[in-house]
Amino acid sequence: ETRHGIEVVRQFDDREVRICGSEPQLSQVFVNLVVNAAQALD
């Protein structure tokens, strides 16, 4: 969804921190947000 004409900028915190959770479930959340944003940008 993002490879054609959409710039993805990462501004990550450089500290190593851990979250207690489910990696596949949180990945699903980020996929939904990124895909929605990409489709809105058209």
PDB file of all heavy atoms in Angstrom:
ATOM      1  N   GLU A   1       0.819  -1.213   0.000  1.00  0.00           N
ATOM      2  CA  GLU A   1       0.000   0.000   0.000  1.00  0.00           C
ATOM      3  C   GLU A   1       0.854   1.264   0.000  1.00  0.00           C
ATOM      4  O   GLU A   1       0.370   2.332  -0.381  1.00  0.00           O
ATOM      5  CB  GLU A   1      -0.922   0.013   1.228  1.00  0.00           C
ATOM      6  CG  GLU A   1      -1.988  -1.062   1.250  1.00  0.00           C
ATOM      7  CD  GLU A   1      -3.143  -0.756   0.325  1.00  0.00           C
ATOM      8  OE1 GLU A   1      -3.180   0.368  -0.219  1.00  0.00           O
ATOM      9  OE2 GLU A   1      -4.006  -1.640   0.137  1.00  0.00           O
ATOM     10  N   THR A   2       2.093   1.156   0.458  1.00  0.00           N
ATOM     11  CA  THR A   2       2.917   2.359   0.645  1.00  0.00           C
ATOM     12  C   THR A   2       4.066   2.484  -0.342  1.00  0.00           C
ATOM     13  O   THR A   2       4.780   3.492  -0.324  1.00  0.00           O
ATOM     14  CB  THR A   2       3.504   2.366   2.070  1.00  0.00           C
ATOM     15  OG1 THR A   2       4.348   1.206   2.240  1.00  0.00           O
ATOM     16  CG2 THR A   2       2.407   2.342   3.109  1.00  0.00           C
ATOM     17  N   ARG A   3       4.271   1.496  -1.213  1.00  0.00           N
ATOM     18  CA  ARG A   3       5.483   1.493  -2.040  1.00  0.00           C
ATOM     19  C   ARG A   3       5.426   2.492  -3.193  1.00  0.00           C
ATOM     20  O   ARG A   3       6.459   2.840  -3.751  1.00  0.00           O
ATOM     21  CB  ARG A   3       5.734   0.092  -2.585  1.00  0.00           C
ATOM     22  CG  ARG A   3       4.624  -0.445  -3.468  1.00  0.00           C
ATOM     23  CD  ARG A   3       4.923  -1.859  -3.900  1.00  0.00           C
ATOM     24  NE  ARG A   3       3.814  -2.436  -4.667  1.00  0.00           N
ATOM     25  CZ  ARG A   3       3.837  -3.660  -5.173  1.00  0.00           C
ATOM     26  NH1 ARG A   3       4.901  -4.426  -4.981  1.00  0.00           N
ATOM     27  NH2 ARG A   3       2.811  -4.114  -5.854  1.00  0.00           N
ATOM     28  N   HIS A   4       4.238   2.951  -3.579  1.00  0.00           N
ATOM     29  CA  HIS A   4       4.131   3.847  -4.728  1.00  0.00           C
ATOM     30  C   HIS A   4       3.751   5.256  -4.266  1.00  0.00           C
ATOM     31  O   HIS A   4       2.601   5.521  -3.919  1.00  0.00           O
ATOM     32  CB  HIS A   4       3.087   3.343  -5.726  1.00  0.00           C
ATOM     33  CG  HIS A   4       3.419   2.001  -6.306  1.00  0.00           C
ATOM     34  ND1 HIS A   4       4.560   1.767  -7.028  1.00  0.00           N
ATOM     35  CD2 HIS A   4       2.751   0.828  -6.274  1.00  0.00           C
ATOM     36  CE1 HIS A   4       4.599   0.506  -7.417  1.00  0.00           C
ATOM     37  NE2 HIS A   4       3.510  -0.089  -6.970  1.00  0.00           N
ATOM     38  N   GLY A   5       4.700   6.149  -4.227  1.00  0.00           N
ATOM     39  CA  GLY A   5       4.415   7.564  -3.995  1.00  0.00           C
ATOM     40  C   GLY A   5       4.167   7.961  -2.561  1.00  0.00           C
ATOM     41  O   GLY A   5       3.859   9.125  -2.302  1.00  0.00           O
ATOM     42  N   ILE A   6       4.273   7.049  -1.588  1.00  0.00           N
ATOM     43  CA  ILE A   6       4.029   7.384  -0.185  1.00  0.00           C
ATOM     44  C   ILE A   6       5.338   7.258   0.589  1.00  0.00           C
ATOM     45  O   ILE A   6       6.002   6.224   0.559  1.00  0.00           O
ATOM     46  CB  ILE A   6       2.955   6.474   0.429  1.00  0.00           C
ATOM     47  CG1 ILE A   6       1.609   6.711  -0.263  1.00  0.00           C
ATOM     48  CG2 ILE A   6       2.819   6.720   1.927  1.00  0.00           C
ATOM     49  CD1 ILE A   6       0.498   5.835   0.237  1.00  0.00           C
ATOM     50  N   GLU A   7       5.698   8.313   1.286  1.00  0.00           N
ATOM     51  CA  GLU A   7       6.917   8.337   2.095  1.00  0.00           C
ATOM     52  C   GLU A   7       6.585   7.921   3.525  1.00  0.00           C
ATOM     53  O   GLU A   7       5.662   8.473   4.147  1.00  0.00           O
ATOM     54  CB  GLU A   7       7.528   9.736   2.088  1.00  0.00           C
ATOM     55  CG  GLU A   7       8.780   9.855   2.935  1.00  0.00           C
ATOM     56  CD  GLU A   7       9.277  11.288   3.034  1.00  0.00           C
ATOM     57  OE1 GLU A   7       8.581  12.186   2.486  1.00  0.00           O
ATOM     58  OE2 GLU A   7      10.324  11.512   3.656  1.00  0.00           O
ATOM     59  N   VAL A   8       7.314   6.950   4.048  1.00  0.00           N
ATOM     60  CA  VAL A   8       7.129   6.503   5.427  1.00  0.00           C
ATOM     61  C   VAL A   8       8.314   6.991   6.250  1.00  0.00           C
ATOM     62  O   VAL A   8       9.471   6.635   5.971  1.00  0.00           O
ATOM     63  CB  VAL A   8       7.016   4.968   5.519  1.00  0.00           C
ATOM     64  CG1 VAL A   8       6.876   4.536   6.968  1.00  0.00           C
ATOM     65  CG2 VAL A   8       5.822   4.473   4.703  1.00  0.00           C
ATOM     66  N   VAL A   9       8.024   7.815   7.246  1.00  0.00           N
ATOM     67  CA  VAL A   9       9.065   8.404   8.090  1.00  0.00           C
ATOM     68  C   VAL A   9       9.011   7.762   9.465  1.00  0.00           C
ATOM     69  O   VAL A   9       7.954   7.717  10.101  1.00  0.00           O
ATOM     70  CB  VAL A   9       8.879   9.932   8.205  1.00  0.00           C
ATOM     71  CG1 VAL A   9       9.948  10.531   9.123  1.00  0.00           C
ATOM     72  CG2 VAL A   9       8.919  10.582   6.837  1.00  0.00           C
ATOM     73  N   ARG A  10      10.150   7.256   9.929  1.00  0.00           N
ATOM     74  CA  ARG A  10      10.251   6.643  11.259  1.00  0.00           C
ATOM     75  C   ARG A  10      10.938   7.614  12.207  1.00  0.00           C
ATOM     76  O   ARG A  10      12.053   8.079  11.926  1.00  0.00           O
ATOM     77  CB  ARG A  10      11.032   5.344  11.176  1.00  0.00           C
ATOM     78  CG  ARG A  10      10.372   4.265  10.325  1.00  0.00           C
ATOM     79  CD  ARG A  10      11.352   3.152  10.035  1.00  0.00           C
ATOM     80  NE  ARG A  10      10.781   2.039   9.295  1.00  0.00           N
ATOM     81  CZ  ARG A  10      10.617   2.012   7.971  1.00  0.00           C
ATOM     82  NH1 ARG A  10      10.975   3.070   7.252  1.00  0.00           N
ATOM     83  NH2 ARG A  10      10.101   0.960   7.388  1.00  0.00           N
ATOM     84  N   GLN A  11      10.304   7.901  13.318  1.00  0.00           N
ATOM     85  CA  GLN A  11      10.886   8.734  14.374  1.00  0.00           C
ATOM     86  C   GLN A  11      10.817   7.942  15.673  1.00  0.00           C
ATOM     87  O   GLN A  11      10.000   8.203  16.557  1.00  0.00           O
ATOM     88  CB  GLN A  11      10.134  10.068  14.490  1.00  0.00           C
ATOM     89  CG  GLN A  11      10.211  10.934  13.234  1.00  0.00           C
ATOM     90  CD  GLN A  11       9.385  12.203  13.339  1.00  0.00           C
ATOM     91  OE1 GLN A  11       8.642  12.421  14.304  1.00  0.00           O
ATOM     92  NE2 GLN A  11       9.516  13.079  12.340  1.00  0.00           N
ATOM     93  N   PHE A  12      11.680   6.951  15.770  1.00  0.00           N
ATOM     94  CA  PHE A  12      11.627   6.002  16.877  1.00  0.00           C
ATOM     95  C   PHE A  12      12.460   6.487  18.061  1.00  0.00           C
ATOM     96  O   PHE A  12      13.537   7.070  17.889  1.00  0.00           O
ATOM     97  CB  PHE A  12      12.139   4.631  16.445  1.00  0.00           C
ATOM     98  CG  PHE A  12      11.227   3.915  15.474  1.00  0.00           C
ATOM     99  CD1 PHE A  12      11.645   2.770  14.828  1.00  0.00           C
ATOM    100  CD2 PHE A  12       9.946   4.395  15.207  1.00  0.00           C
ATOM    101  CE1 PHE A  12      10.822   2.102  13.930  1.00  0.00           C
ATOM    102  CE2 PHE A  12       9.109   3.749  14.327  1.00  0.00           C
ATOM    103  CZ  PHE A  12       9.554   2.600  13.676  1.00  0.00           C
ATOM    104  N   ASP A  13      11.974   6.210  19.259  1.00  0.00           N
ATOM    105  CA  ASP A  13      12.740   6.403  20.490  1.00  0.00           C
ATOM    106  C   ASP A  13      13.905   5.406  20.474  1.00  0.00           C
ATOM    107  O   ASP A  13      13.711   4.212  20.248  1.00  0.00           O
ATOM    108  CB  ASP A  13      11.838   6.159  21.705  1.00  0.00           C
ATOM    109  CG  ASP A  13      12.467   6.673  22.993  1.00  0.00           C
ATOM    110  OD1 ASP A  13      13.645   6.350  23.237  1.00  0.00           O
ATOM    111  OD2 ASP A  13      11.769   7.366  23.757  1.00  0.00           O
ATOM    112  N   ASP A  14      15.130   5.900  20.697  1.00  0.00           N
ATOM    113  CA  ASP A  14      16.303   5.036  20.551  1.00  0.00           C
ATOM    114  C   ASP A  14      16.585   4.180  21.780  1.00  0.00           C
ATOM    115  O   ASP A  14      17.538   3.389  21.786  1.00  0.00           O
ATOM    116  CB  ASP A  14      17.540   5.871  20.207  1.00  0.00           C
ATOM    117  CG  ASP A  14      17.794   6.983  21.219  1.00  0.00           C
ATOM    118  OD1 ASP A  14      17.043   7.048  22.219  1.00  0.00           O
ATOM    119  OD2 ASP A  14      18.730   7.769  21.008  1.00  0.00           O
ATOM    120  N   ARG A  15      15.765   4.309  22.840  1.00  0.00           N
ATOM    121  CA  ARG A  15      15.977   3.460  24.007  1.00  0.00           C
ATOM    122  C   ARG A  15      15.345   2.090  23.810  1.00  0.00           C
ATOM    123  O   ARG A  15      14.310   1.969  23.152  1.00  0.00           O
ATOM    124  CB  ARG A  15      15.382   4.124  25.255  1.00  0.00           C
ATOM    125  CG  ARG A  15      16.253   5.241  25.808  1.00  0.00           C
ATOM    126  CD  ARG A  15      15.509   6.042  26.839  1.00  0.00           C
ATOM    127  NE  ARG A  15      14.418   6.811  26.231  1.00  0.00           N
ATOM    128  CZ  ARG A  15      13.728   7.736  26.884  1.00  0.00           C
ATOM    129  NH1 ARG A  15      13.993   7.977  28.154  1.00  0.00           N
ATOM    130  NH2 ARG A  15      12.771   8.406  26.288  1.00  0.00           N
ATOM    131  N   GLU A  16      15.934   1.093  24.406  1.00  0.00           N
ATOM    132  CA  GLU A  16      15.403  -0.269  24.336  1.00  0.00           C
ATOM    133  C   GLU A  16      14.374  -0.447  25.446  1.00  0.00           C
ATOM    134  O   GLU A  16      14.721  -0.457  26.623  1.00  0.00           O
ATOM    135  CB  GLU A  16      16.532  -1.296  24.472  1.00  0.00           C
ATOM    136  CG  GLU A  16      17.491  -1.308  23.300  1.00  0.00           C
ATOM    137  CD  GLU A  16      18.508  -2.434  23.407  1.00  0.00           C
ATOM    138  OE1 GLU A  16      18.396  -3.225  24.370  1.00  0.00           O
ATOM    139  OE2 GLU A  16      19.398  -2.507  22.547  1.00  0.00           O
ATOM    140  N   VAL A  17      13.125  -0.579  25.059  1.00  0.00           N
ATOM    141  CA  VAL A  17      12.044  -0.773  26.035  1.00  0.00           C
ATOM    142  C   VAL A  17      11.233  -1.980  25.616  1.00  0.00           C
ATOM    143  O   VAL A  17      11.225  -2.382  24.450  1.00  0.00           O
ATOM    144  CB  VAL A  17      11.133   0.473  26.122  1.00  0.00           C
ATOM    145  CG1 VAL A  17      11.871   1.643  26.723  1.00  0.00           C
ATOM    146  CG2 VAL A  17      10.587   0.843  24.748  1.00  0.00           C
ATOM    147  N   ARG A  18      10.534  -2.559  26.583  1.00  0.00           N
ATOM    148  CA  ARG A  18       9.736  -3.753  26.344  1.00  0.00           C
ATOM    149  C   ARG A  18       8.283  -3.499  26.702  1.00  0.00           C
ATOM    150  O   ARG A  18       7.972  -2.798  27.668  1.00  0.00           O
ATOM    151  CB  ARG A  18      10.271  -4.931  27.158  1.00  0.00           C
ATOM    152  CG  ARG A  18      11.658  -5.381  26.725  1.00  0.00           C
ATOM    153  CD  ARG A  18      11.569  -6.198  25.472  1.00  0.00           C
ATOM    154  NE  ARG A  18      12.883  -6.564  24.935  1.00  0.00           N
ATOM    155  CZ  ARG A  18      13.062  -7.373  23.913  1.00  0.00           C
ATOM    156  NH1 ARG A  18      12.017  -7.905  23.298  1.00  0.00           N
ATOM    157  NH2 ARG A  18      14.270  -7.651  23.479  1.00  0.00           N
ATOM    158  N   ILE A  19       7.410  -4.084  25.899  1.00  0.00           N
ATOM    159  CA  ILE A  19       5.963  -4.022  26.124  1.00  0.00           C
ATOM    160  C   ILE A  19       5.480  -5.435  26.427  1.00  0.00           C
ATOM    161  O   ILE A  19       5.888  -6.394  25.765  1.00  0.00           O
ATOM    162  CB  ILE A  19       5.224  -3.480  24.890  1.00  0.00           C
ATOM    163  CG1 ILE A  19       5.692  -2.070  24.563  1.00  0.00           C
ATOM    164  CG2 ILE A  19       3.702  -3.509  25.090  1.00  0.00           C
ATOM    165  CD1 ILE A  19       5.319  -1.040  25.592  1.00  0.00           C
ATOM    166  N   CYS A  20       4.601  -5.567  27.409  1.00  0.00           N
ATOM    167  CA  CYS A  20       3.997  -6.867  27.687  1.00  0.00           C
ATOM    168  C   CYS A  20       2.740  -6.997  26.840  1.00  0.00           C
ATOM    169  O   CYS A  20       1.764  -6.269  27.045  1.00  0.00           O
ATOM    170  CB  CYS A  20       3.649  -6.999  29.172  1.00  0.00           C
ATOM    171  SG  CYS A  20       2.954  -8.623  29.598  1.00  0.00           S
ATOM    172  N   GLY A  21       2.776  -7.893  25.872  1.00  0.00           N
ATOM    173  CA  GLY A  21       1.617  -8.032  25.006  1.00  0.00           C
ATOM    174  C   GLY A  21       1.790  -9.138  23.994  1.00  0.00           C
ATOM    175  O   GLY A  21       2.688  -9.984  24.103  1.00  0.00           O
ATOM    176  N   SER A  22       0.920  -9.128  22.991  1.00  0.00           N
ATOM    177  CA  SER A  22       0.932 -10.118  21.927  1.00  0.00           C
ATOM    178  C   SER A  22       1.471  -9.464  20.666  1.00  0.00           C
ATOM    179  O   SER A  22       0.871  -8.507  20.147  1.00  0.00           O
ATOM    180  CB  SER A  22      -0.481 -10.657  21.693  1.00  0.00           C
ATOM    181  OG  SER A  22      -0.548 -11.389  20.496  1.00  0.00           O
ATOM    182  N   GLU A  23       2.587  -9.940  20.166  1.00  0.00           N
ATOM    183  CA  GLU A  23       3.192  -9.361  18.977  1.00  0.00           C
ATOM    184  C   GLU A  23       2.286  -9.442  17.751  1.00  0.00           C
ATOM    185  O   GLU A  23       2.132  -8.448  17.029  1.00  0.00           O
ATOM    186  CB  GLU A  23       4.544 -10.038  18.693  1.00  0.00           C
ATOM    187  CG  GLU A  23       5.270  -9.419  17.511  1.00  0.00           C
ATOM    188  CD  GLU A  23       6.672  -9.949  17.360  1.00  0.00           C
ATOM    189  OE1 GLU A  23       7.178 -10.566  18.319  1.00  0.00           O
ATOM    190  OE2 GLU A  23       7.257  -9.742  16.287  1.00  0.00           O
ATOM    191  N   PRO A  24       1.637 -10.586  17.466  1.00  0.00           N
ATOM    192  CA  PRO A  24       0.767 -10.630  16.282  1.00  0.00           C
ATOM    193  C   PRO A  24      -0.428  -9.703  16.388  1.00  0.00           C
ATOM    194  O   PRO A  24      -0.847  -9.099  15.398  1.00  0.00           O
ATOM    195  CB  PRO A  24       0.337 -12.100  16.204  1.00  0.00           C
ATOM    196  CG  PRO A  24       0.570 -12.653  17.555  1.00  0.00           C
ATOM    197  CD  PRO A  24       1.744 -11.912  18.097  1.00  0.00           C
ATOM    198  N   GLN A  25      -0.998  -9.569  17.589  1.00  0.00           N
ATOM    199  CA  GLN A  25      -2.160  -8.692  17.740  1.00  0.00           C
ATOM    200  C   GLN A  25      -1.777  -7.229  17.557  1.00  0.00           C
ATOM    201  O   GLN A  25      -2.470  -6.469  16.867  1.00  0.00           O
ATOM    202  CB  GLN A  25      -2.797  -8.900  19.114  1.00  0.00           C
ATOM    203  CG  GLN A  25      -3.464 -10.261  19.280  1.00  0.00           C
ATOM    204  CD  GLN A  25      -4.086 -10.438  20.651  1.00  0.00           C
ATOM    205  OE1 GLN A  25      -4.299  -9.474  21.372  1.00  0.00           O
ATOM    206  NE2 GLN A  25      -4.372 -11.684  21.011  1.00  0.00           N
ATOM    207  N   LEU A  26      -0.659  -6.804  18.158  1.00  0.00           N
ATOM    208  CA  LEU A  26      -0.236  -5.414  17.996  1.00  0.00           C
ATOM    209  C   LEU A  26       0.194  -5.139  16.559  1.00  0.00           C
ATOM    210  O   LEU A  26      -0.036  -4.039  16.034  1.00  0.00           O
ATOM    211  CB  LEU A  26       0.900  -5.106  18.963  1.00  0.00           C
ATOM    212  CG  LEU A  26       0.504  -5.053  20.443  1.00  0.00           C
ATOM    213  CD1 LEU A  26       1.729  -4.853  21.320  1.00  0.00           C
ATOM    214  CD2 LEU A  26      -0.511  -3.944  20.706  1.00  0.00           C
ATOM    215  N   SER A  27       0.807  -6.128  15.901  1.00  0.00           N
ATOM    216  CA  SER A  27       1.149  -5.959  14.487  1.00  0.00           C
ATOM    217  C   SER A  27      -0.100  -5.725  13.658  1.00  0.00           C
ATOM    218  O   SER A  27      -0.104  -4.922  12.717  1.00  0.00           O
ATOM    219  CB  SER A  27       1.896  -7.194  13.980  1.00  0.00           C
ATOM    220  OG  SER A  27       3.152  -7.327  14.611  1.00  0.00           O
ATOM    221  N   GLN A  28      -1.195  -6.423  14.015  1.00  0.00           N
ATOM    222  CA  GLN A  28      -2.450  -6.236  13.306  1.00  0.00           C
ATOM    223  C   GLN A  28      -2.950  -4.805  13.461  1.00  0.00           C
ATOM    224  O   GLN A  28      -3.444  -4.199  12.509  1.00  0.00           O
ATOM    225  CB  GLN A  28      -3.496  -7.224  13.831  1.00  0.00           C
ATOM    226  CG  GLN A  28      -4.844  -7.127  13.123  1.00  0.00           C
ATOM    227  CD  GLN A  28      -5.841  -8.147  13.641  1.00  0.00           C
ATOM    228  OE1 GLN A  28      -5.530  -8.945  14.520  1.00  0.00           O
ATOM    229  NE2 GLN A  28      -7.032  -8.126  13.093  1.00  0.00           N
ATOM    230  N   VAL A  29      -2.796  -4.228  14.660  1.00  0.00           N
ATOM    231  CA  VAL A  29      -3.222  -2.840  14.889  1.00  0.00           C
ATOM    232  C   VAL A  29      -2.434  -1.890  13.991  1.00  0.00           C
ATOM    233  O   VAL A  29      -3.013  -1.023  13.318  1.00  0.00           O
ATOM    234  CB  VAL A  29      -3.025  -2.456  16.372  1.00  0.00           C
ATOM    235  CG1 VAL A  29      -3.281  -0.962  16.573  1.00  0.00           C
ATOM    236  CG2 VAL A  29      -3.958  -3.269  17.256  1.00  0.00           C
ATOM    237  N   PHE A  30      -1.107  -2.055  13.952  1.00  0.00           N
ATOM    238  CA  PHE A  30      -0.278  -1.146  13.157  1.00  0.00           C
ATOM    239  C   PHE A  30      -0.532  -1.323  11.660  1.00  0.00           C
ATOM    240  O   PHE A  30      -0.492  -0.342  10.905  1.00  0.00           O
ATOM    241  CB  PHE A  30       1.198  -1.372  13.491  1.00  0.00           C
ATOM    242  CG  PHE A  30       1.515  -1.121  14.943  1.00  0.00           C
ATOM    243  CD1 PHE A  30       2.311  -2.002  15.661  1.00  0.00           C
ATOM    244  CD2 PHE A  30       1.003  -0.016  15.594  1.00  0.00           C
ATOM    245  CE1 PHE A  30       2.598  -1.777  16.992  1.00  0.00           C
ATOM    246  CE2 PHE A  30       1.282   0.227  16.934  1.00  0.00           C
ATOM    247  CZ  PHE A  30       2.075  -0.667  17.643  1.00  0.00           C
ATOM    248  N   VAL A  31      -0.806  -2.551  11.230  1.00  0.00           N
ATOM    249  CA  VAL A  31      -1.157  -2.768   9.827  1.00  0.00           C
ATOM    250  C   VAL A  31      -2.432  -2.002   9.482  1.00  0.00           C
ATOM    251  O   VAL A  31      -2.519  -1.322   8.443  1.00  0.00           O
ATOM    252  CB  VAL A  31      -1.332  -4.268   9.528  1.00  0.00           C
ATOM    253  CG1 VAL A  31      -2.000  -4.471   8.164  1.00  0.00           C
ATOM    254  CG2 VAL A  31       0.015  -4.974   9.533  1.00  0.00           C
ATOM    255  N   ASN A  32      -3.442  -2.095  10.340  1.00  0.00           N
ATOM    256  CA  ASN A  32      -4.700  -1.394  10.086  1.00  0.00           C
ATOM    257  C   ASN A  32      -4.477   0.111   9.968  1.00  0.00           C
ATOM    258  O   ASN A  32      -5.006   0.770   9.058  1.00  0.00           O
ATOM    259  CB  ASN A  32      -5.698  -1.687  11.209  1.00  0.00           C
ATOM    260  CG  ASN A  32      -6.250  -3.091  11.147  1.00  0.00           C
ATOM    261  OD1 ASN A  32      -6.292  -3.712  10.088  1.00  0.00           O
ATOM    262  ND2 ASN A  32      -6.682  -3.619  12.277  1.00  0.00           N
ATOM    263  N   LEU A  33      -3.688   0.677  10.886  1.00  0.00           N
ATOM    264  CA  LEU A  33      -3.473   2.125  10.874  1.00  0.00           C
ATOM    265  C   LEU A  33      -2.684   2.562   9.641  1.00  0.00           C
ATOM    266  O   LEU A  33      -3.008   3.572   9.010  1.00  0.00           O
ATOM    267  CB  LEU A  33      -2.747   2.546  12.147  1.00  0.00           C
ATOM    268  CG  LEU A  33      -3.501   2.355  13.471  1.00  0.00           C
ATOM    269  CD1 LEU A  33      -2.670   2.864  14.637  1.00  0.00           C
ATOM    270  CD2 LEU A  33      -4.853   3.047  13.440  1.00  0.00           C
ATOM    271  N   VAL A  34      -1.648   1.812   9.293  1.00  0.00           N
ATOM    272  CA  VAL A  34      -0.824   2.183   8.142  1.00  0.00           C
ATOM    273  C   VAL A  34      -1.614   2.045   6.838  1.00  0.00           C
ATOM    274  O   VAL A  34      -1.558   2.915   5.966  1.00  0.00           O
ATOM    275  CB  VAL A  34       0.455   1.328   8.107  1.00  0.00           C
ATOM    276  CG1 VAL A  34       1.220   1.575   6.800  1.00  0.00           C
ATOM    277  CG2 VAL A  34       1.345   1.659   9.296  1.00  0.00           C
ATOM    278  N   VAL A  35      -2.371   0.942   6.696  1.00  0.00           N
ATOM    279  CA  VAL A  35      -3.164   0.732   5.489  1.00  0.00           C
ATOM    280  C   VAL A  35      -4.226   1.814   5.354  1.00  0.00           C
ATOM    281  O   VAL A  35      -4.446   2.369   4.260  1.00  0.00           O
ATOM    282  CB  VAL A  35      -3.801  -0.672   5.493  1.00  0.00           C
ATOM    283  CG1 VAL A  35      -4.839  -0.794   4.382  1.00  0.00           C
ATOM    284  CG2 VAL A  35      -2.720  -1.733   5.319  1.00  0.00           C
ATOM    285  N   ASN A  36      -4.907   2.159   6.459  1.00  0.00           N
ATOM    286  CA  ASN A  36      -5.915   3.226   6.412  1.00  0.00           C
ATOM    287  C   ASN A  36      -5.294   4.557   5.988  1.00  0.00           C
ATOM    288  O   ASN A  36      -5.853   5.304   5.186  1.00  0.00           O
ATOM    289  CB  ASN A  36      -6.583   3.378   7.779  1.00  0.00           C
ATOM    290  CG  ASN A  36      -7.577   2.272   8.066  1.00  0.00           C
ATOM    291  OD1 ASN A  36      -7.940   1.506   7.178  1.00  0.00           O
ATOM    292  ND2 ASN A  36      -8.021   2.173   9.305  1.00  0.00           N
ATOM    293  N   ALA A  37      -4.121   4.853   6.566  1.00  0.00           N
ATOM    294  CA  ALA A  37      -3.448   6.112   6.211  1.00  0.00           C
ATOM    295  C   ALA A  37      -3.045   6.110   4.744  1.00  0.00           C
ATOM    296  O   ALA A  37      -3.226   7.114   4.033  1.00  0.00           O
ATOM    297  CB  ALA A  37      -2.227   6.314   7.107  1.00  0.00           C
ATOM    298  N   ALA A  38      -2.513   4.995   4.254  1.00  0.00           N
ATOM    299  CA  ALA A  38      -2.091   4.917   2.854  1.00  0.00           C
ATOM    300  C   ALA A  38      -3.267   5.063   1.905  1.00  0.00           C
ATOM    301  O   ALA A  38      -3.180   5.746   0.880  1.00  0.00           O
ATOM    302  CB  ALA A  38      -1.370   3.589   2.610  1.00  0.00           C
ATOM    303  N   GLN A  39      -4.386   4.434   2.251  1.00  0.00           N
ATOM    304  CA  GLN A  39      -5.567   4.543   1.393  1.00  0.00           C
ATOM    305  C   GLN A  39      -6.143   5.948   1.416  1.00  0.00           C
ATOM    306  O   GLN A  39      -6.665   6.426   0.410  1.00  0.00           O
ATOM    307  CB  GLN A  39      -6.610   3.521   1.834  1.00  0.00           C
ATOM    308  CG  GLN A  39      -6.202   2.078   1.545  1.00  0.00           C
ATOM    309  CD  GLN A  39      -7.212   1.074   2.031  1.00  0.00           C
ATOM    310  OE1 GLN A  39      -8.136   1.398   2.776  1.00  0.00           O
ATOM    311  NE2 GLN A  39      -7.050  -0.181   1.619  1.00  0.00           N
ATOM    312  N   ALA A  40      -6.030   6.632   2.550  1.00  0.00           N
ATOM    313  CA  ALA A  40      -6.498   8.024   2.622  1.00  0.00           C
ATOM    314  C   ALA A  40      -5.611   8.931   1.760  1.00  0.00           C
ATOM    315  O   ALA A  40      -6.094   9.887   1.149  1.00  0.00           O
ATOM    316  CB  ALA A  40      -6.504   8.500   4.069  1.00  0.00           C
ATOM    317  N   LEU A  41      -4.316   8.645   1.712  1.00  0.00           N
ATOM    318  CA  LEU A  41      -3.389   9.455   0.911  1.00  0.00           C
ATOM    319  C   LEU A  41      -3.553   9.214  -0.582  1.00  0.00           C
ATOM    320  O   LEU A  41      -3.163  10.049  -1.394  1.00  0.00           O
ATOM    321  CB  LEU A  41      -1.949   9.145   1.325  1.00  0.00           C
ATOM    322  CG  LEU A  41      -1.559   9.609   2.732  1.00  0.00           C
ATOM    323  CD1 LEU A  41      -0.180   9.084   3.088  1.00  0.00           C
ATOM    324  CD2 LEU A  41      -1.582  11.120   2.829  1.00  0.00           C
ATOM    325  N   ASP A  42      -4.098   8.055  -0.940  1.00  0.00           N
ATOM    326  CA  ASP A  42      -4.381   7.731  -2.342  1.00  0.00           C
ATOM    327  C   ASP A  42      -3.132   7.835  -3.210  1.00  0.00           C
ATOM    328  O   ASP A  42      -3.141   8.431  -4.289  1.00  0.00           O
ATOM    329  CB  ASP A  42      -5.493   8.640  -2.878  1.00  0.00           C
ATOM    330  CG  ASP A  42      -6.101   8.105  -4.180  1.00  0.00           C
ATOM    331  OD1 ASP A  42      -5.953   6.895  -4.447  1.00  0.00           O
ATOM    332  OD2 ASP A  42      -6.709   8.903  -4.918  1.00  0.00           O
TER     333      ASP A  42
END
